[in-house]
Amino acid sequence: MLLTFALAGFGFSWAIVFGLLALFPQALQSLPKSGG
């Protein structure tokens, strides 16, 4: 059950980032550029 909660938290962080950026795509411009 601990592992389920940990993995749920892990997946939720990804889900919420992709979801919010899809809702507010203009926020993509605020993301730092890929690099070193």
PDB file of all heavy atoms in Angstrom:
ATOM      1  N   MET A   1       0.832  -1.204   0.000  1.00  0.00           N
ATOM      2  CA  MET A   1       0.000   0.000   0.000  1.00  0.00           C
ATOM      3  C   MET A   1       0.869   1.257   0.000  1.00  0.00           C
ATOM      4  O   MET A   1       0.545   2.251  -0.667  1.00  0.00           O
ATOM      5  CB  MET A   1      -0.930  -0.007   1.213  1.00  0.00           C
ATOM      6  CG  MET A   1      -1.983   1.099   1.166  1.00  0.00           C
ATOM      7  SD  MET A   1      -3.011   1.032  -0.323  1.00  0.00           S
ATOM      8  CE  MET A   1      -3.930  -0.476  -0.020  1.00  0.00           C
ATOM      9  N   LEU A   2       1.991   1.232   0.727  1.00  0.00           N
ATOM     10  CA  LEU A   2       2.909   2.366   0.690  1.00  0.00           C
ATOM     11  C   LEU A   2       3.412   2.598  -0.725  1.00  0.00           C
ATOM     12  O   LEU A   2       3.500   3.735  -1.194  1.00  0.00           O
ATOM     13  CB  LEU A   2       4.102   2.117   1.625  1.00  0.00           C
ATOM     14  CG  LEU A   2       3.905   2.317   3.119  1.00  0.00           C
ATOM     15  CD1 LEU A   2       5.207   2.071   3.857  1.00  0.00           C
ATOM     16  CD2 LEU A   2       3.402   3.718   3.425  1.00  0.00           C
ATOM     17  N   LEU A   3       3.759   1.511  -1.402  1.00  0.00           N
ATOM     18  CA  LEU A   3       4.271   1.630  -2.758  1.00  0.00           C
ATOM     19  C   LEU A   3       3.192   2.158  -3.701  1.00  0.00           C
ATOM     20  O   LEU A   3       3.481   2.952  -4.606  1.00  0.00           O
ATOM     21  CB  LEU A   3       4.784   0.267  -3.229  1.00  0.00           C
ATOM     22  CG  LEU A   3       5.602   0.265  -4.521  1.00  0.00           C
ATOM     23  CD1 LEU A   3       6.808   1.180  -4.392  1.00  0.00           C
ATOM     24  CD2 LEU A   3       6.045  -1.145  -4.861  1.00  0.00           C
ATOM     25  N   THR A   4       1.954   1.734  -3.499  1.00  0.00           N
ATOM     26  CA  THR A   4       0.847   2.236  -4.317  1.00  0.00           C
ATOM     27  C   THR A   4       0.698   3.746  -4.153  1.00  0.00           C
ATOM     28  O   THR A   4       0.548   4.485  -5.135  1.00  0.00           O
ATOM     29  CB  THR A   4      -0.475   1.536  -3.939  1.00  0.00           C
ATOM     30  OG1 THR A   4      -0.372   0.140  -4.228  1.00  0.00           O
ATOM     31  CG2 THR A   4      -1.640   2.119  -4.712  1.00  0.00           C
ATOM     32  N   PHE A   5       0.744   4.224  -2.911  1.00  0.00           N
ATOM     33  CA  PHE A   5       0.641   5.658  -2.671  1.00  0.00           C
ATOM     34  C   PHE A   5       1.816   6.405  -3.288  1.00  0.00           C
ATOM     35  O   PHE A   5       1.648   7.490  -3.866  1.00  0.00           O
ATOM     36  CB  PHE A   5       0.562   5.937  -1.165  1.00  0.00           C
ATOM     37  CG  PHE A   5      -0.839   5.931  -0.618  1.00  0.00           C
ATOM     38  CD1 PHE A   5      -1.525   4.748  -0.437  1.00  0.00           C
ATOM     39  CD2 PHE A   5      -1.472   7.112  -0.287  1.00  0.00           C
ATOM     40  CE1 PHE A   5      -2.815   4.731   0.061  1.00  0.00           C
ATOM     41  CE2 PHE A   5      -2.769   7.118   0.205  1.00  0.00           C
ATOM     42  CZ  PHE A   5      -3.444   5.922   0.386  1.00  0.00           C
ATOM     43  N   ALA A   6       3.022   5.846  -3.173  1.00  0.00           N
ATOM     44  CA  ALA A   6       4.205   6.501  -3.727  1.00  0.00           C
ATOM     45  C   ALA A   6       4.114   6.596  -5.249  1.00  0.00           C
ATOM     46  O   ALA A   6       4.378   7.656  -5.840  1.00  0.00           O
ATOM     47  CB  ALA A   6       5.467   5.744  -3.311  1.00  0.00           C
ATOM     48  N   LEU A   7       3.723   5.495  -5.895  1.00  0.00           N
ATOM     49  CA  LEU A   7       3.615   5.504  -7.349  1.00  0.00           C
ATOM     50  C   LEU A   7       2.446   6.377  -7.809  1.00  0.00           C
ATOM     51  O   LEU A   7       2.520   7.021  -8.869  1.00  0.00           O
ATOM     52  CB  LEU A   7       3.446   4.075  -7.857  1.00  0.00           C
ATOM     53  CG  LEU A   7       4.687   3.184  -7.736  1.00  0.00           C
ATOM     54  CD1 LEU A   7       4.362   1.751  -8.107  1.00  0.00           C
ATOM     55  CD2 LEU A   7       5.809   3.716  -8.614  1.00  0.00           C
ATOM     56  N   ALA A   8       1.375   6.411  -7.011  1.00  0.00           N
ATOM     57  CA  ALA A   8       0.254   7.295  -7.351  1.00  0.00           C
ATOM     58  C   ALA A   8       0.695   8.754  -7.297  1.00  0.00           C
ATOM     59  O   ALA A   8       0.335   9.558  -8.167  1.00  0.00           O
ATOM     60  CB  ALA A   8      -0.916   7.053  -6.400  1.00  0.00           C
ATOM     61  N   GLY A   9       1.477   9.106  -6.284  1.00  0.00           N
ATOM     62  CA  GLY A   9       2.000  10.466  -6.205  1.00  0.00           C
ATOM     63  C   GLY A   9       2.901  10.790  -7.379  1.00  0.00           C
ATOM     64  O   GLY A   9       2.852  11.898  -7.947  1.00  0.00           O
ATOM     65  N   PHE A  10       3.733   9.818  -7.761  1.00  0.00           N
ATOM     66  CA  PHE A  10       4.636   9.999  -8.897  1.00  0.00           C
ATOM     67  C   PHE A  10       3.839  10.257 -10.174  1.00  0.00           C
ATOM     68  O   PHE A  10       4.092  11.218 -10.908  1.00  0.00           O
ATOM     69  CB  PHE A  10       5.500   8.742  -9.051  1.00  0.00           C
ATOM     70  CG  PHE A  10       6.690   8.910  -9.952  1.00  0.00           C
ATOM     71  CD1 PHE A  10       7.944   9.167  -9.418  1.00  0.00           C
ATOM     72  CD2 PHE A  10       6.568   8.793 -11.324  1.00  0.00           C
ATOM     73  CE1 PHE A  10       9.047   9.310 -10.244  1.00  0.00           C
ATOM     74  CE2 PHE A  10       7.657   8.939 -12.160  1.00  0.00           C
ATOM     75  CZ  PHE A  10       8.912   9.197 -11.618  1.00  0.00           C
ATOM     76  N   GLY A  11       2.858   9.393 -10.442  1.00  0.00           N
ATOM     77  CA  GLY A  11       2.055   9.546 -11.644  1.00  0.00           C
ATOM     78  C   GLY A  11       1.197  10.794 -11.621  1.00  0.00           C
ATOM     79  O   GLY A  11       0.991  11.441 -12.664  1.00  0.00           O
ATOM     80  N   PHE A  12       0.707  11.159 -10.426  1.00  0.00           N
ATOM     81  CA  PHE A  12      -0.150  12.340 -10.318  1.00  0.00           C
ATOM     82  C   PHE A  12       0.621  13.611 -10.670  1.00  0.00           C
ATOM     83  O   PHE A  12       0.069  14.530 -11.286  1.00  0.00           O
ATOM     84  CB  PHE A  12      -0.727  12.432  -8.909  1.00  0.00           C
ATOM     85  CG  PHE A  12      -1.668  13.580  -8.710  1.00  0.00           C
ATOM     86  CD1 PHE A  12      -2.892  13.621  -9.363  1.00  0.00           C
ATOM     87  CD2 PHE A  12      -1.329  14.634  -7.880  1.00  0.00           C
ATOM     88  CE1 PHE A  12      -3.765  14.688  -9.183  1.00  0.00           C
ATOM     89  CE2 PHE A  12      -2.186  15.704  -7.699  1.00  0.00           C
ATOM     90  CZ  PHE A  12      -3.411  15.733  -8.350  1.00  0.00           C
ATOM     91  N   SER A  13       1.883  13.678 -10.287  1.00  0.00           N
ATOM     92  CA  SER A  13       2.687  14.869 -10.605  1.00  0.00           C
ATOM     93  C   SER A  13       2.820  15.030 -12.120  1.00  0.00           C
ATOM     94  O   SER A  13       2.744  16.146 -12.640  1.00  0.00           O
ATOM     95  CB  SER A  13       4.065  14.770  -9.945  1.00  0.00           C
ATOM     96  OG  SER A  13       4.820  13.703 -10.492  1.00  0.00           O
ATOM     97  N   TRP A  14       3.013  13.919 -12.816  1.00  0.00           N
ATOM     98  CA  TRP A  14       3.102  13.989 -14.280  1.00  0.00           C
ATOM     99  C   TRP A  14       1.742  14.353 -14.879  1.00  0.00           C
ATOM    100  O   TRP A  14       1.655  15.172 -15.795  1.00  0.00           O
ATOM    101  CB  TRP A  14       3.561  12.638 -14.837  1.00  0.00           C
ATOM    102  CG  TRP A  14       5.030  12.389 -14.653  1.00  0.00           C
ATOM    103  CD1 TRP A  14       5.836  12.891 -13.675  1.00  0.00           C
ATOM    104  CD2 TRP A  14       5.850  11.573 -15.483  1.00  0.00           C
ATOM    105  NE1 TRP A  14       7.102  12.423 -13.818  1.00  0.00           N
ATOM    106  CE2 TRP A  14       7.154  11.618 -14.923  1.00  0.00           C
ATOM    107  CE3 TRP A  14       5.632  10.798 -16.602  1.00  0.00           C
ATOM    108  CZ2 TRP A  14       8.224  10.911 -15.473  1.00  0.00           C
ATOM    109  CZ3 TRP A  14       6.689  10.098 -17.160  1.00  0.00           C
ATOM    110  CH2 TRP A  14       7.975  10.155 -16.603  1.00  0.00           C
ATOM    111  N   ALA A  15       0.697  13.733 -14.383  1.00  0.00           N
ATOM    112  CA  ALA A  15      -0.638  13.972 -14.921  1.00  0.00           C
ATOM    113  C   ALA A  15      -1.043  15.431 -14.760  1.00  0.00           C
ATOM    114  O   ALA A  15      -1.609  16.038 -15.683  1.00  0.00           O
ATOM    115  CB  ALA A  15      -1.644  13.057 -14.222  1.00  0.00           C
ATOM    116  N   ILE A  16      -0.741  15.983 -13.589  1.00  0.00           N
ATOM    117  CA  ILE A  16      -1.180  17.359 -13.339  1.00  0.00           C
ATOM    118  C   ILE A  16      -0.389  18.355 -14.179  1.00  0.00           C
ATOM    119  O   ILE A  16      -0.924  19.360 -14.648  1.00  0.00           O
ATOM    120  CB  ILE A  16      -1.086  17.686 -11.832  1.00  0.00           C
ATOM    121  CG1 ILE A  16      -1.932  18.913 -11.508  1.00  0.00           C
ATOM    122  CG2 ILE A  16       0.359  17.902 -11.393  1.00  0.00           C
ATOM    123  CD1 ILE A  16      -2.068  19.169 -10.010  1.00  0.00           C
ATOM    124  N   VAL A  17       0.913  18.066 -14.427  1.00  0.00           N
ATOM    125  CA  VAL A  17       1.717  18.962 -15.259  1.00  0.00           C
ATOM    126  C   VAL A  17       1.210  18.947 -16.698  1.00  0.00           C
ATOM    127  O   VAL A  17       0.980  19.998 -17.315  1.00  0.00           O
ATOM    128  CB  VAL A  17       3.209  18.565 -15.199  1.00  0.00           C
ATOM    129  CG1 VAL A  17       3.994  19.275 -16.294  1.00  0.00           C
ATOM    130  CG2 VAL A  17       3.788  18.922 -13.846  1.00  0.00           C
ATOM    131  N   PHE A  18       1.015  17.743 -17.257  1.00  0.00           N
ATOM    132  CA  PHE A  18       0.522  17.661 -18.632  1.00  0.00           C
ATOM    133  C   PHE A  18      -0.888  18.237 -18.749  1.00  0.00           C
ATOM    134  O   PHE A  18      -1.221  18.900 -19.741  1.00  0.00           O
ATOM    135  CB  PHE A  18       0.542  16.206 -19.108  1.00  0.00           C
ATOM    136  CG  PHE A  18       1.909  15.728 -19.501  1.00  0.00           C
ATOM    137  CD1 PHE A  18       2.642  14.901 -18.669  1.00  0.00           C
ATOM    138  CD2 PHE A  18       2.470  16.112 -20.709  1.00  0.00           C
ATOM    139  CE1 PHE A  18       3.901  14.457 -19.023  1.00  0.00           C
ATOM    140  CE2 PHE A  18       3.735  15.674 -21.084  1.00  0.00           C
ATOM    141  CZ  PHE A  18       4.449  14.845 -20.241  1.00  0.00           C
ATOM    142  N   GLY A  19      -1.728  17.985 -17.739  1.00  0.00           N
ATOM    143  CA  GLY A  19      -3.093  18.493 -17.779  1.00  0.00           C
ATOM    144  C   GLY A  19      -3.156  20.008 -17.725  1.00  0.00           C
ATOM    145  O   GLY A  19      -3.875  20.642 -18.497  1.00  0.00           O
ATOM    146  N   LEU A  20      -2.401  20.612 -16.813  1.00  0.00           N
ATOM    147  CA  LEU A  20      -2.421  22.067 -16.672  1.00  0.00           C
ATOM    148  C   LEU A  20      -1.831  22.759 -17.896  1.00  0.00           C
ATOM    149  O   LEU A  20      -2.321  23.806 -18.334  1.00  0.00           O
ATOM    150  CB  LEU A  20      -1.656  22.482 -15.405  1.00  0.00           C
ATOM    151  CG  LEU A  20      -2.362  22.186 -14.078  1.00  0.00           C
ATOM    152  CD1 LEU A  20      -1.467  22.564 -12.901  1.00  0.00           C
ATOM    153  CD2 LEU A  20      -3.691  22.936 -13.985  1.00  0.00           C
ATOM    154  N   LEU A  21      -0.763  22.178 -18.446  1.00  0.00           N
ATOM    155  CA  LEU A  21      -0.166  22.793 -19.630  1.00  0.00           C
ATOM    156  C   LEU A  21      -1.083  22.673 -20.842  1.00  0.00           C
ATOM    157  O   LEU A  21      -1.077  23.536 -21.724  1.00  0.00           O
ATOM    158  CB  LEU A  21       1.189  22.149 -19.918  1.00  0.00           C
ATOM    159  CG  LEU A  21       2.303  22.500 -18.931  1.00  0.00           C
ATOM    160  CD1 LEU A  21       3.580  21.736 -19.261  1.00  0.00           C
ATOM    161  CD2 LEU A  21       2.580  24.006 -18.933  1.00  0.00           C
ATOM    162  N   ALA A  22      -1.870  21.592 -20.880  1.00  0.00           N
ATOM    163  CA  ALA A  22      -2.843  21.474 -21.963  1.00  0.00           C
ATOM    164  C   ALA A  22      -3.958  22.499 -21.804  1.00  0.00           C
ATOM    165  O   ALA A  22      -4.482  23.028 -22.791  1.00  0.00           O
ATOM    166  CB  ALA A  22      -3.426  20.062 -21.972  1.00  0.00           C
ATOM    167  N   LEU A  23      -4.323  22.791 -20.557  1.00  0.00           N
ATOM    168  CA  LEU A  23      -5.364  23.776 -20.287  1.00  0.00           C
ATOM    169  C   LEU A  23      -4.862  25.196 -20.517  1.00  0.00           C
ATOM    170  O   LEU A  23      -5.596  26.074 -20.983  1.00  0.00           O
ATOM    171  CB  LEU A  23      -5.858  23.623 -18.849  1.00  0.00           C
ATOM    172  CG  LEU A  23      -7.093  24.425 -18.451  1.00  0.00           C
ATOM    173  CD1 LEU A  23      -8.306  24.023 -19.297  1.00  0.00           C
ATOM    174  CD2 LEU A  23      -7.402  24.213 -16.968  1.00  0.00           C
ATOM    175  N   PHE A  24      -3.583  25.434 -20.207  1.00  0.00           N
ATOM    176  CA  PHE A  24      -2.972  26.759 -20.389  1.00  0.00           C
ATOM    177  C   PHE A  24      -1.710  26.604 -21.231  1.00  0.00           C
ATOM    178  O   PHE A  24      -0.581  26.691 -20.717  1.00  0.00           O
ATOM    179  CB  PHE A  24      -2.637  27.391 -19.035  1.00  0.00           C
ATOM    180  CG  PHE A  24      -3.808  27.483 -18.094  1.00  0.00           C
ATOM    181  CD1 PHE A  24      -3.943  26.587 -17.044  1.00  0.00           C
ATOM    182  CD2 PHE A  24      -4.776  28.462 -18.278  1.00  0.00           C
ATOM    183  CE1 PHE A  24      -5.013  26.675 -16.174  1.00  0.00           C
ATOM    184  CE2 PHE A  24      -5.855  28.550 -17.412  1.00  0.00           C
ATOM    185  CZ  PHE A  24      -5.976  27.655 -16.359  1.00  0.00           C
ATOM    186  N   PRO A  25      -1.830  26.355 -22.512  1.00  0.00           N
ATOM    187  CA  PRO A  25      -0.659  26.095 -23.361  1.00  0.00           C
ATOM    188  C   PRO A  25       0.311  27.266 -23.438  1.00  0.00           C
ATOM    189  O   PRO A  25       1.493  27.076 -23.741  1.00  0.00           O
ATOM    190  CB  PRO A  25      -1.286  25.791 -24.730  1.00  0.00           C
ATOM    191  CG  PRO A  25      -2.647  26.394 -24.688  1.00  0.00           C
ATOM    192  CD  PRO A  25      -3.093  26.290 -23.273  1.00  0.00           C
ATOM    193  N   GLN A  26      -0.185  28.471 -23.164  1.00  0.00           N
ATOM    194  CA  GLN A  26       0.710  29.619 -23.191  1.00  0.00           C
ATOM    195  C   GLN A  26       1.810  29.517 -22.133  1.00  0.00           C
ATOM    196  O   GLN A  26       2.864  30.150 -22.250  1.00  0.00           O
ATOM    197  CB  GLN A  26      -0.062  30.928 -23.014  1.00  0.00           C
ATOM    198  CG  GLN A  26      -0.797  31.061 -21.685  1.00  0.00           C
ATOM    199  CD  GLN A  26      -2.190  30.471 -21.714  1.00  0.00           C
ATOM    200  OE1 GLN A  26      -2.498  29.655 -22.584  1.00  0.00           O
ATOM    201  NE2 GLN A  26      -3.033  30.891 -20.788  1.00  0.00           N
ATOM    202  N   ALA A  27       1.555  28.686 -21.098  1.00  0.00           N
ATOM    203  CA  ALA A  27       2.557  28.515 -20.049  1.00  0.00           C
ATOM    204  C   ALA A  27       3.795  27.784 -20.558  1.00  0.00           C
ATOM    205  O   ALA A  27       4.852  27.835 -19.925  1.00  0.00           O
ATOM    206  CB  ALA A  27       1.955  27.746 -18.867  1.00  0.00           C
ATOM    207  N   LEU A  28       3.680  27.124 -21.731  1.00  0.00           N
ATOM    208  CA  LEU A  28       4.837  26.429 -22.291  1.00  0.00           C
ATOM    209  C   LEU A  28       5.988  27.393 -22.566  1.00  0.00           C
ATOM    210  O   LEU A  28       7.165  27.027 -22.493  1.00  0.00           O
ATOM    211  CB  LEU A  28       4.445  25.714 -23.589  1.00  0.00           C
ATOM    212  CG  LEU A  28       3.585  24.447 -23.454  1.00  0.00           C
ATOM    213  CD1 LEU A  28       3.099  23.982 -24.823  1.00  0.00           C
ATOM    214  CD2 LEU A  28       4.381  23.348 -22.778  1.00  0.00           C
ATOM    215  N   GLN A  29       5.622  28.637 -22.882  1.00  0.00           N
ATOM    216  CA  GLN A  29       6.656  29.617 -23.198  1.00  0.00           C
ATOM    217  C   GLN A  29       7.479  29.990 -21.970  1.00  0.00           C
ATOM    218  O   GLN A  29       8.591  30.501 -22.099  1.00  0.00           O
ATOM    219  CB  GLN A  29       6.005  30.870 -23.795  1.00  0.00           C
ATOM    220  CG  GLN A  29       5.228  30.594 -25.083  1.00  0.00           C
ATOM    221  CD  GLN A  29       4.514  31.829 -25.602  1.00  0.00           C
ATOM    222  OE1 GLN A  29       4.615  32.912 -25.018  1.00  0.00           O
ATOM    223  NE2 GLN A  29       3.780  31.681 -26.704  1.00  0.00           N
ATOM    224  N   SER A  30       6.901  29.731 -20.790  1.00  0.00           N
ATOM    225  CA  SER A  30       7.616  30.068 -19.556  1.00  0.00           C
ATOM    226  C   SER A  30       8.575  28.961 -19.122  1.00  0.00           C
ATOM    227  O   SER A  30       9.393  29.172 -18.222  1.00  0.00           O
ATOM    228  CB  SER A  30       6.613  30.345 -18.429  1.00  0.00           C
ATOM    229  OG  SER A  30       5.728  31.385 -18.781  1.00  0.00           O
ATOM    230  N   LEU A  31       8.461  27.785 -19.728  1.00  0.00           N
ATOM    231  CA  LEU A  31       9.345  26.689 -19.342  1.00  0.00           C
ATOM    232  C   LEU A  31      10.776  26.986 -19.792  1.00  0.00           C
ATOM    233  O   LEU A  31      10.996  27.531 -20.877  1.00  0.00           O
ATOM    234  CB  LEU A  31       8.873  25.378 -19.973  1.00  0.00           C
ATOM    235  CG  LEU A  31       7.549  24.795 -19.482  1.00  0.00           C
ATOM    236  CD1 LEU A  31       7.232  23.511 -20.251  1.00  0.00           C
ATOM    237  CD2 LEU A  31       7.609  24.504 -17.986  1.00  0.00           C
ATOM    238  N   PRO A  32      11.765  26.626 -18.973  1.00  0.00           N
ATOM    239  CA  PRO A  32      13.155  26.818 -19.411  1.00  0.00           C
ATOM    240  C   PRO A  32      13.473  25.918 -20.599  1.00  0.00           C
ATOM    241  O   PRO A  32      12.859  24.864 -20.783  1.00  0.00           O
ATOM    242  CB  PRO A  32      13.959  26.419 -18.170  1.00  0.00           C
ATOM    243  CG  PRO A  32      13.061  25.527 -17.392  1.00  0.00           C
ATOM    244  CD  PRO A  32      11.670  26.022 -17.648  1.00  0.00           C
ATOM    245  N   LYS A  33      14.432  26.341 -21.405  1.00  0.00           N
ATOM    246  CA  LYS A  33      14.823  25.547 -22.554  1.00  0.00           C
ATOM    247  C   LYS A  33      15.676  24.360 -22.118  1.00  0.00           C
ATOM    248  O   LYS A  33      16.376  24.421 -21.116  1.00  0.00           O
ATOM    249  CB  LYS A  33      15.607  26.418 -23.546  1.00  0.00           C
ATOM    250  CG  LYS A  33      14.776  27.537 -24.169  1.00  0.00           C
ATOM    251  CD  LYS A  33      15.606  28.326 -25.172  1.00  0.00           C
ATOM    252  CE  LYS A  33      14.769  29.434 -25.817  1.00  0.00           C
ATOM    253  NZ  LYS A  33      15.568  30.209 -26.805  1.00  0.00           N
ATOM    254  N   SER A  34      15.577  23.293 -22.893  1.00  0.00           N
ATOM    255  CA  SER A  34      16.417  22.132 -22.610  1.00  0.00           C
ATOM    256  C   SER A  34      17.886  22.531 -22.730  1.00  0.00           C
ATOM    257  O   SER A  34      18.255  23.386 -23.536  1.00  0.00           O
ATOM    258  CB  SER A  34      16.103  20.999 -23.587  1.00  0.00           C
ATOM    259  OG  SER A  34      14.750  20.614 -23.486  1.00  0.00           O
ATOM    260  N   GLY A  35      18.721  21.888 -21.929  1.00  0.00           N
ATOM    261  CA  GLY A  35      20.141  22.221 -21.962  1.00  0.00           C
ATOM    262  C   GLY A  35      20.930  21.428 -20.952  1.00  0.00           C
ATOM    263  O   GLY A  35      20.458  20.425 -20.391  1.00  0.00           O
ATOM    264  N   GLY A  36      22.139  21.903 -20.697  1.00  0.00           N
ATOM    265  CA  GLY A  36      23.045  21.188 -19.801  1.00  0.00           C
ATOM    266  C   GLY A  36      22.546  21.104 -18.370  1.00  0.00           C
ATOM    267  O   GLY A  36      22.984  20.226 -17.615  1.00  0.00           O
TER     268      GLY A  36
END
